[in-house]
Amino acid sequence: MTVSAYVLIQTEVGKAADVASSVAKITGVATAEDVTGPYDVIVRVEAATMDDVAKTVVSQIQMVDGITRTLTCPVVHL
């Protein structure tokens, strides 16, 4: 069973498309889409454990040029 999380990303002005394209290439990223509103890109990350999701966010996604802030929202099944 995999776990997943949505990562809400704020970017520098004019960088949303570049960020979404770069993030989409990262292993474990299921989707990366440009959106409007308070966040510029929404990403769905899938991995074997929540620790692996966190590692993907911290060591790979947050390193992408143009990202100013991320918010990780784990998916729960109630």
PDB file of N, CA and C in Angstrom:
ATOM      1  N   MET A   1       0.845  -1.190   0.000  1.00  0.00           N
ATOM      2  CA  MET A   1       0.000   0.000   0.000  1.00  0.00           C
ATOM      3  C   MET A   1       0.883   1.243   0.000  1.00  0.00           C
ATOM      4  N   THR A   2       0.550   2.193  -0.834  1.00  0.00           N
ATOM      5  CA  THR A   2       1.316   3.430  -0.871  1.00  0.00           C
ATOM      6  C   THR A   2       0.604   4.507  -0.073  1.00  0.00           C
ATOM      7  N   VAL A   3       1.384   5.473   0.363  1.00  0.00           N
ATOM      8  CA  VAL A   3       0.826   6.660   1.007  1.00  0.00           C
ATOM      9  C   VAL A   3       1.041   7.827   0.064  1.00  0.00           C
ATOM     10  N   SER A   4       0.241   8.852   0.237  1.00  0.00           N
ATOM     11  CA  SER A   4       0.385   9.994  -0.656  1.00  0.00           C
ATOM     12  C   SER A   4       0.101  11.290   0.090  1.00  0.00           C
ATOM     13  N   ALA A   5       0.530  12.366  -0.534  1.00  0.00           N
ATOM     14  CA  ALA A   5       0.320  13.701   0.027  1.00  0.00           C
ATOM     15  C   ALA A   5       0.218  14.694  -1.124  1.00  0.00           C
ATOM     16  N   TYR A   6      -0.523  15.751  -0.876  1.00  0.00           N
ATOM     17  CA  TYR A   6      -0.542  16.875  -1.799  1.00  0.00           C
ATOM     18  C   TYR A   6       0.453  17.896  -1.286  1.00  0.00           C
ATOM     19  N   VAL A   7       1.248  18.437  -2.183  1.00  0.00           N
ATOM     20  CA  VAL A   7       2.209  19.471  -1.823  1.00  0.00           C
ATOM     21  C   VAL A   7       1.767  20.742  -2.537  1.00  0.00           C
ATOM     22  N   LEU A   8       1.407  21.756  -1.746  1.00  0.00           N
ATOM     23  CA  LEU A   8       0.982  23.044  -2.284  1.00  0.00           C
ATOM     24  C   LEU A   8       2.219  23.926  -2.357  1.00  0.00           C
ATOM     25  N   ILE A   9       2.476  24.491  -3.524  1.00  0.00           N
ATOM     26  CA  ILE A   9       3.725  25.213  -3.763  1.00  0.00           C
ATOM     27  C   ILE A   9       3.460  26.654  -4.170  1.00  0.00           C
ATOM     28  N   GLN A  10       4.169  27.564  -3.522  1.00  0.00           N
ATOM     29  CA  GLN A  10       4.208  28.960  -3.955  1.00  0.00           C
ATOM     30  C   GLN A  10       5.532  29.167  -4.681  1.00  0.00           C
ATOM     31  N   THR A  11       5.480  29.919  -5.771  1.00  0.00           N
ATOM     32  CA  THR A  11       6.680  30.137  -6.582  1.00  0.00           C
ATOM     33  C   THR A  11       6.975  31.631  -6.726  1.00  0.00           C
ATOM     34  N   GLU A  12       8.151  31.909  -7.233  1.00  0.00           N
ATOM     35  CA  GLU A  12       8.475  33.274  -7.622  1.00  0.00           C
ATOM     36  C   GLU A  12       7.559  33.660  -8.782  1.00  0.00           C
ATOM     37  N   VAL A  13       7.320  34.941  -8.948  1.00  0.00           N
ATOM     38  CA  VAL A  13       6.443  35.432 -10.008  1.00  0.00           C
ATOM     39  C   VAL A  13       6.944  34.938 -11.367  1.00  0.00           C
ATOM     40  N   GLY A  14       6.039  34.369 -12.146  1.00  0.00           N
ATOM     41  CA  GLY A  14       6.359  33.912 -13.486  1.00  0.00           C
ATOM     42  C   GLY A  14       7.060  32.569 -13.570  1.00  0.00           C
ATOM     43  N   LYS A  15       7.218  31.867 -12.452  1.00  0.00           N
ATOM     44  CA  LYS A  15       7.969  30.605 -12.446  1.00  0.00           C
ATOM     45  C   LYS A  15       7.089  29.362 -12.319  1.00  0.00           C
ATOM     46  N   ALA A  16       5.786  29.500 -12.209  1.00  0.00           N
ATOM     47  CA  ALA A  16       4.910  28.357 -11.941  1.00  0.00           C
ATOM     48  C   ALA A  16       5.049  27.257 -12.992  1.00  0.00           C
ATOM     49  N   ALA A  17       5.020  27.599 -14.251  1.00  0.00           N
ATOM     50  CA  ALA A  17       5.103  26.589 -15.313  1.00  0.00           C
ATOM     51  C   ALA A  17       6.438  25.853 -15.271  1.00  0.00           C
ATOM     52  N   ASP A  18       7.526  26.584 -15.063  1.00  0.00           N
ATOM     53  CA  ASP A  18       8.846  25.956 -14.989  1.00  0.00           C
ATOM     54  C   ASP A  18       8.953  25.038 -13.780  1.00  0.00           C
ATOM     55  N   VAL A  19       8.416  25.483 -12.644  1.00  0.00           N
ATOM     56  CA  VAL A  19       8.447  24.668 -11.426  1.00  0.00           C
ATOM     57  C   VAL A  19       7.635  23.396 -11.633  1.00  0.00           C
ATOM     58  N   ALA A  20       6.426  23.502 -12.156  1.00  0.00           N
ATOM     59  CA  ALA A  20       5.578  22.331 -12.371  1.00  0.00           C
ATOM     60  C   ALA A  20       6.262  21.335 -13.301  1.00  0.00           C
ATOM     61  N   SER A  21       6.877  21.829 -14.347  1.00  0.00           N
ATOM     62  CA  SER A  21       7.581  20.955 -15.290  1.00  0.00           C
ATOM     63  C   SER A  21       8.755  20.244 -14.633  1.00  0.00           C
ATOM     64  N   SER A  22       9.530  20.967 -13.846  1.00  0.00           N
ATOM     65  CA  SER A  22      10.692  20.371 -13.165  1.00  0.00           C
ATOM     66  C   SER A  22      10.267  19.360 -12.107  1.00  0.00           C
ATOM     67  N   VAL A  23       9.269  19.705 -11.318  1.00  0.00           N
ATOM     68  CA  VAL A  23       8.805  18.829 -10.240  1.00  0.00           C
ATOM     69  C   VAL A  23       8.193  17.547 -10.819  1.00  0.00           C
ATOM     70  N   ALA A  24       7.510  17.642 -11.945  1.00  0.00           N
ATOM     71  CA  ALA A  24       6.873  16.477 -12.561  1.00  0.00           C
ATOM     72  C   ALA A  24       7.870  15.379 -12.904  1.00  0.00           C
ATOM     73  N   LYS A  25       9.129  15.730 -13.090  1.00  0.00           N
ATOM     74  CA  LYS A  25      10.167  14.763 -13.460  1.00  0.00           C
ATOM     75  C   LYS A  25      10.753  14.014 -12.260  1.00  0.00           C
ATOM     76  N   ILE A  26      10.398  14.412 -11.040  1.00  0.00           N
ATOM     77  CA  ILE A  26      10.949  13.805  -9.833  1.00  0.00           C
ATOM     78  C   ILE A  26      10.269  12.461  -9.566  1.00  0.00           C
ATOM     79  N   THR A  27      11.068  11.445  -9.255  1.00  0.00           N
ATOM     80  CA  THR A  27      10.532  10.129  -8.927  1.00  0.00           C
ATOM     81  C   THR A  27       9.620  10.221  -7.714  1.00  0.00           C
ATOM     82  N   GLY A  28       8.432   9.642  -7.829  1.00  0.00           N
ATOM     83  CA  GLY A  28       7.459   9.678  -6.747  1.00  0.00           C
ATOM     84  C   GLY A  28       6.378  10.723  -6.948  1.00  0.00           C
ATOM     85  N   VAL A  29       6.588  11.637  -7.875  1.00  0.00           N
ATOM     86  CA  VAL A  29       5.583  12.656  -8.166  1.00  0.00           C
ATOM     87  C   VAL A  29       4.589  12.075  -9.165  1.00  0.00           C
ATOM     88  N   ALA A  30       3.333  11.975  -8.741  1.00  0.00           N
ATOM     89  CA  ALA A  30       2.285  11.428  -9.603  1.00  0.00           C
ATOM     90  C   ALA A  30       1.728  12.486 -10.550  1.00  0.00           C
ATOM     91  N   THR A  31       1.518  13.701 -10.028  1.00  0.00           N
ATOM     92  CA  THR A  31       1.019  14.809 -10.837  1.00  0.00           C
ATOM     93  C   THR A  31       1.626  16.117 -10.337  1.00  0.00           C
ATOM     94  N   ALA A  32       1.761  17.058 -11.238  1.00  0.00           N
ATOM     95  CA  ALA A  32       2.208  18.414 -10.892  1.00  0.00           C
ATOM     96  C   ALA A  32       1.484  19.359 -11.839  1.00  0.00           C
ATOM     97  N   GLU A  33       0.620  20.199 -11.286  1.00  0.00           N
ATOM     98  CA  GLU A  33      -0.204  21.057 -12.125  1.00  0.00           C
ATOM     99  C   GLU A  33      -0.179  22.503 -11.661  1.00  0.00           C
ATOM    100  N   ASP A  34      -0.182  23.424 -12.626  1.00  0.00           N
ATOM    101  CA  ASP A  34      -0.308  24.850 -12.338  1.00  0.00           C
ATOM    102  C   ASP A  34      -1.757  25.114 -11.920  1.00  0.00           C
ATOM    103  N   VAL A  35      -1.924  25.965 -10.928  1.00  0.00           N
ATOM    104  CA  VAL A  35      -3.265  26.344 -10.479  1.00  0.00           C
ATOM    105  C   VAL A  35      -3.300  27.843 -10.209  1.00  0.00           C
ATOM    106  N   THR A  36      -4.495  28.371  -9.999  1.00  0.00           N
ATOM    107  CA  THR A  36      -4.627  29.766  -9.594  1.00  0.00           C
ATOM    108  C   THR A  36      -5.040  29.806  -8.135  1.00  0.00           C
ATOM    109  N   GLY A  37      -4.861  30.929  -7.503  1.00  0.00           N
ATOM    110  CA  GLY A  37      -5.204  31.079  -6.098  1.00  0.00           C
ATOM    111  C   GLY A  37      -3.966  31.352  -5.270  1.00  0.00           C
ATOM    112  N   PRO A  38      -4.007  31.055  -3.972  1.00  0.00           N
ATOM    113  CA  PRO A  38      -2.874  31.373  -3.102  1.00  0.00           C
ATOM    114  C   PRO A  38      -1.639  30.513  -3.375  1.00  0.00           C
ATOM    115  N   TYR A  39      -1.826  29.375  -4.048  1.00  0.00           N
ATOM    116  CA  TYR A  39      -0.696  28.523  -4.426  1.00  0.00           C
ATOM    117  C   TYR A  39      -0.600  28.504  -5.936  1.00  0.00           C
ATOM    118  N   ASP A  40       0.594  28.238  -6.440  1.00  0.00           N
ATOM    119  CA  ASP A  40       0.839  28.292  -7.880  1.00  0.00           C
ATOM    120  C   ASP A  40       0.909  26.918  -8.532  1.00  0.00           C
ATOM    121  N   VAL A  41       1.320  25.913  -7.756  1.00  0.00           N
ATOM    122  CA  VAL A  41       1.451  24.549  -8.263  1.00  0.00           C
ATOM    123  C   VAL A  41       0.958  23.599  -7.179  1.00  0.00           C
ATOM    124  N   ILE A  42       0.221  22.565  -7.588  1.00  0.00           N
ATOM    125  CA  ILE A  42      -0.184  21.502  -6.668  1.00  0.00           C
ATOM    126  C   ILE A  42       0.374  20.195  -7.192  1.00  0.00           C
ATOM    127  N   VAL A  43       1.025  19.462  -6.281  1.00  0.00           N
ATOM    128  CA  VAL A  43       1.708  18.225  -6.634  1.00  0.00           C
ATOM    129  C   VAL A  43       1.145  17.092  -5.787  1.00  0.00           C
ATOM    130  N   ARG A  44       0.996  15.932  -6.389  1.00  0.00           N
ATOM    131  CA  ARG A  44       0.646  14.727  -5.616  1.00  0.00           C
ATOM    132  C   ARG A  44       1.866  13.816  -5.602  1.00  0.00           C
ATOM    133  N   VAL A  45       2.312  13.488  -4.384  1.00  0.00           N
ATOM    134  CA  VAL A  45       3.482  12.630  -4.191  1.00  0.00           C
ATOM    135  C   VAL A  45       3.007  11.293  -3.644  1.00  0.00           C
ATOM    136  N   GLU A  46       3.565  10.200  -4.171  1.00  0.00           N
ATOM    137  CA  GLU A  46       3.246   8.864  -3.684  1.00  0.00           C
ATOM    138  C   GLU A  46       4.536   8.137  -3.342  1.00  0.00           C
ATOM    139  N   ALA A  47       4.519   7.390  -2.232  1.00  0.00           N
ATOM    140  CA  ALA A  47       5.699   6.641  -1.790  1.00  0.00           C
ATOM    141  C   ALA A  47       5.253   5.492  -0.889  1.00  0.00           C
ATOM    142  N   ALA A  48       6.206   4.657  -0.506  1.00  0.00           N
ATOM    143  CA  ALA A  48       5.905   3.502   0.344  1.00  0.00           C
ATOM    144  C   ALA A  48       5.556   3.907   1.767  1.00  0.00           C
ATOM    145  N   THR A  49       6.194   4.947   2.280  1.00  0.00           N
ATOM    146  CA  THR A  49       5.952   5.400   3.651  1.00  0.00           C
ATOM    147  C   THR A  49       5.849   6.915   3.681  1.00  0.00           C
ATOM    148  N   MET A  50       5.295   7.454   4.769  1.00  0.00           N
ATOM    149  CA  MET A  50       5.216   8.903   4.910  1.00  0.00           C
ATOM    150  C   MET A  50       6.619   9.494   5.043  1.00  0.00           C
ATOM    151  N   ASP A  51       7.546   8.760   5.631  1.00  0.00           N
ATOM    152  CA  ASP A  51       8.929   9.233   5.697  1.00  0.00           C
ATOM    153  C   ASP A  51       9.502   9.412   4.291  1.00  0.00           C
ATOM    154  N   ASP A  52       9.190   8.491   3.386  1.00  0.00           N
ATOM    155  CA  ASP A  52       9.666   8.616   2.007  1.00  0.00           C
ATOM    156  C   ASP A  52       9.030   9.805   1.299  1.00  0.00           C
ATOM    157  N   VAL A  53       7.765  10.066   1.593  1.00  0.00           N
ATOM    158  CA  VAL A  53       7.107  11.261   1.043  1.00  0.00           C
ATOM    159  C   VAL A  53       7.842  12.507   1.535  1.00  0.00           C
ATOM    160  N   ALA A  54       8.110  12.563   2.835  1.00  0.00           N
ATOM    161  CA  ALA A  54       8.798  13.721   3.421  1.00  0.00           C
ATOM    162  C   ALA A  54      10.186  13.901   2.816  1.00  0.00           C
ATOM    163  N   LYS A  55      10.901  12.809   2.613  1.00  0.00           N
ATOM    164  CA  LYS A  55      12.232  12.888   2.007  1.00  0.00           C
ATOM    165  C   LYS A  55      12.161  13.444   0.592  1.00  0.00           C
ATOM    166  N   THR A  56      11.144  13.026  -0.154  1.00  0.00           N
ATOM    167  CA  THR A  56      10.971  13.547  -1.520  1.00  0.00           C
ATOM    168  C   THR A  56      10.716  15.052  -1.489  1.00  0.00           C
ATOM    169  N   VAL A  57       9.877  15.480  -0.567  1.00  0.00           N
ATOM    170  CA  VAL A  57       9.555  16.909  -0.475  1.00  0.00           C
ATOM    171  C   VAL A  57      10.781  17.716  -0.069  1.00  0.00           C
ATOM    172  N   VAL A  58      11.445  17.299   1.000  1.00  0.00           N
ATOM    173  CA  VAL A  58      12.550  18.090   1.552  1.00  0.00           C
ATOM    174  C   VAL A  58      13.812  18.020   0.690  1.00  0.00           C
ATOM    175  N   SER A  59      14.160  16.839   0.222  1.00  0.00           N
ATOM    176  CA  SER A  59      15.450  16.704  -0.469  1.00  0.00           C
ATOM    177  C   SER A  59      15.373  16.899  -1.974  1.00  0.00           C
ATOM    178  N   GLN A  60      14.158  16.875  -2.539  1.00  0.00           N
ATOM    179  CA  GLN A  60      14.067  17.031  -3.991  1.00  0.00           C
ATOM    180  C   GLN A  60      13.161  18.180  -4.419  1.00  0.00           C
ATOM    181  N   ILE A  61      11.911  18.173  -3.968  1.00  0.00           N
ATOM    182  CA  ILE A  61      10.969  19.199  -4.422  1.00  0.00           C
ATOM    183  C   ILE A  61      11.398  20.587  -3.955  1.00  0.00           C
ATOM    184  N   GLN A  62      11.743  20.729  -2.679  1.00  0.00           N
ATOM    185  CA  GLN A  62      12.111  22.047  -2.167  1.00  0.00           C
ATOM    186  C   GLN A  62      13.413  22.585  -2.772  1.00  0.00           C
ATOM    187  N   MET A  63      14.162  21.743  -3.436  1.00  0.00           N
ATOM    188  CA  MET A  63      15.411  22.183  -4.055  1.00  0.00           C
ATOM    189  C   MET A  63      15.212  22.764  -5.459  1.00  0.00           C
ATOM    190  N   VAL A  64      14.008  22.655  -5.997  1.00  0.00           N
ATOM    191  CA  VAL A  64      13.733  23.147  -7.342  1.00  0.00           C
ATOM    192  C   VAL A  64      13.786  24.669  -7.353  1.00  0.00           C
ATOM    193  N   ASP A  65      14.510  25.206  -8.313  1.00  0.00           N
ATOM    194  CA  ASP A  65      14.664  26.649  -8.458  1.00  0.00           C
ATOM    195  C   ASP A  65      13.313  27.311  -8.717  1.00  0.00           C
ATOM    196  N   GLY A  66      13.014  28.372  -7.995  1.00  0.00           N
ATOM    197  CA  GLY A  66      11.789  29.135  -8.190  1.00  0.00           C
ATOM    198  C   GLY A  66      10.744  28.898  -7.120  1.00  0.00           C
ATOM    199  N   ILE A  67      10.949  27.870  -6.271  1.00  0.00           N
ATOM    200  CA  ILE A  67       9.991  27.606  -5.192  1.00  0.00           C
ATOM    201  C   ILE A  67      10.322  28.499  -4.002  1.00  0.00           C
ATOM    202  N   THR A  68       9.289  29.149  -3.465  1.00  0.00           N
ATOM    203  CA  THR A  68       9.493  29.998  -2.290  1.00  0.00           C
ATOM    204  C   THR A  68       8.929  29.375  -1.015  1.00  0.00           C
ATOM    205  N   ARG A  69       7.893  28.517  -1.142  1.00  0.00           N
ATOM    206  CA  ARG A  69       7.288  27.915   0.046  1.00  0.00           C
ATOM    207  C   ARG A  69       6.495  26.673  -0.357  1.00  0.00           C
ATOM    208  N   THR A  70       6.498  25.669   0.529  1.00  0.00           N
ATOM    209  CA  THR A  70       5.674  24.482   0.307  1.00  0.00           C
ATOM    210  C   THR A  70       4.835  24.199   1.550  1.00  0.00           C
ATOM    211  N   LEU A  71       3.714  23.535   1.324  1.00  0.00           N
ATOM    212  CA  LEU A  71       2.861  23.058   2.403  1.00  0.00           C
ATOM    213  C   LEU A  71       2.459  21.633   2.035  1.00  0.00           C
ATOM    214  N   THR A  72       2.837  20.671   2.876  1.00  0.00           N
ATOM    215  CA  THR A  72       2.554  19.266   2.599  1.00  0.00           C
ATOM    216  C   THR A  72       1.301  18.828   3.346  1.00  0.00           C
ATOM    217  N   CYS A  73       0.355  18.239   2.620  1.00  0.00           N
ATOM    218  CA  CYS A  73      -0.916  17.790   3.175  1.00  0.00           C
ATOM    219  C   CYS A  73      -1.062  16.294   2.947  1.00  0.00           C
ATOM    220  N   PRO A  74      -0.750  15.473   3.967  1.00  0.00           N
ATOM    221  CA  PRO A  74      -0.878  14.023   3.816  1.00  0.00           C
ATOM    222  C   PRO A  74      -2.341  13.623   3.554  1.00  0.00           C
ATOM    223  N   VAL A  75      -2.522  12.637   2.703  1.00  0.00           N
ATOM    224  CA  VAL A  75      -3.849  12.099   2.437  1.00  0.00           C
ATOM    225  C   VAL A  75      -4.182  11.084   3.521  1.00  0.00           C
ATOM    226  N   VAL A  76      -5.377  11.179   4.104  1.00  0.00           N
ATOM    227  CA  VAL A  76      -5.809  10.241   5.128  1.00  0.00           C
ATOM    228  C   VAL A  76      -7.073   9.521   4.634  1.00  0.00           C
ATOM    229  N   HIS A  77      -7.242   8.315   5.095  1.00  0.00           N
ATOM    230  CA  HIS A  77      -8.433   7.531   4.741  1.00  0.00           C
ATOM    231  C   HIS A  77      -9.192   7.258   6.029  1.00  0.00           C
ATOM    232  N   LEU A  78     -10.290   7.955   6.225  1.00  0.00           N
ATOM    233  CA  LEU A  78     -11.067   7.855   7.466  1.00  0.00           C
ATOM    234  C   LEU A  78     -12.154   6.812   7.356  1.00  0.00           C
TER     235      LEU A  78
END
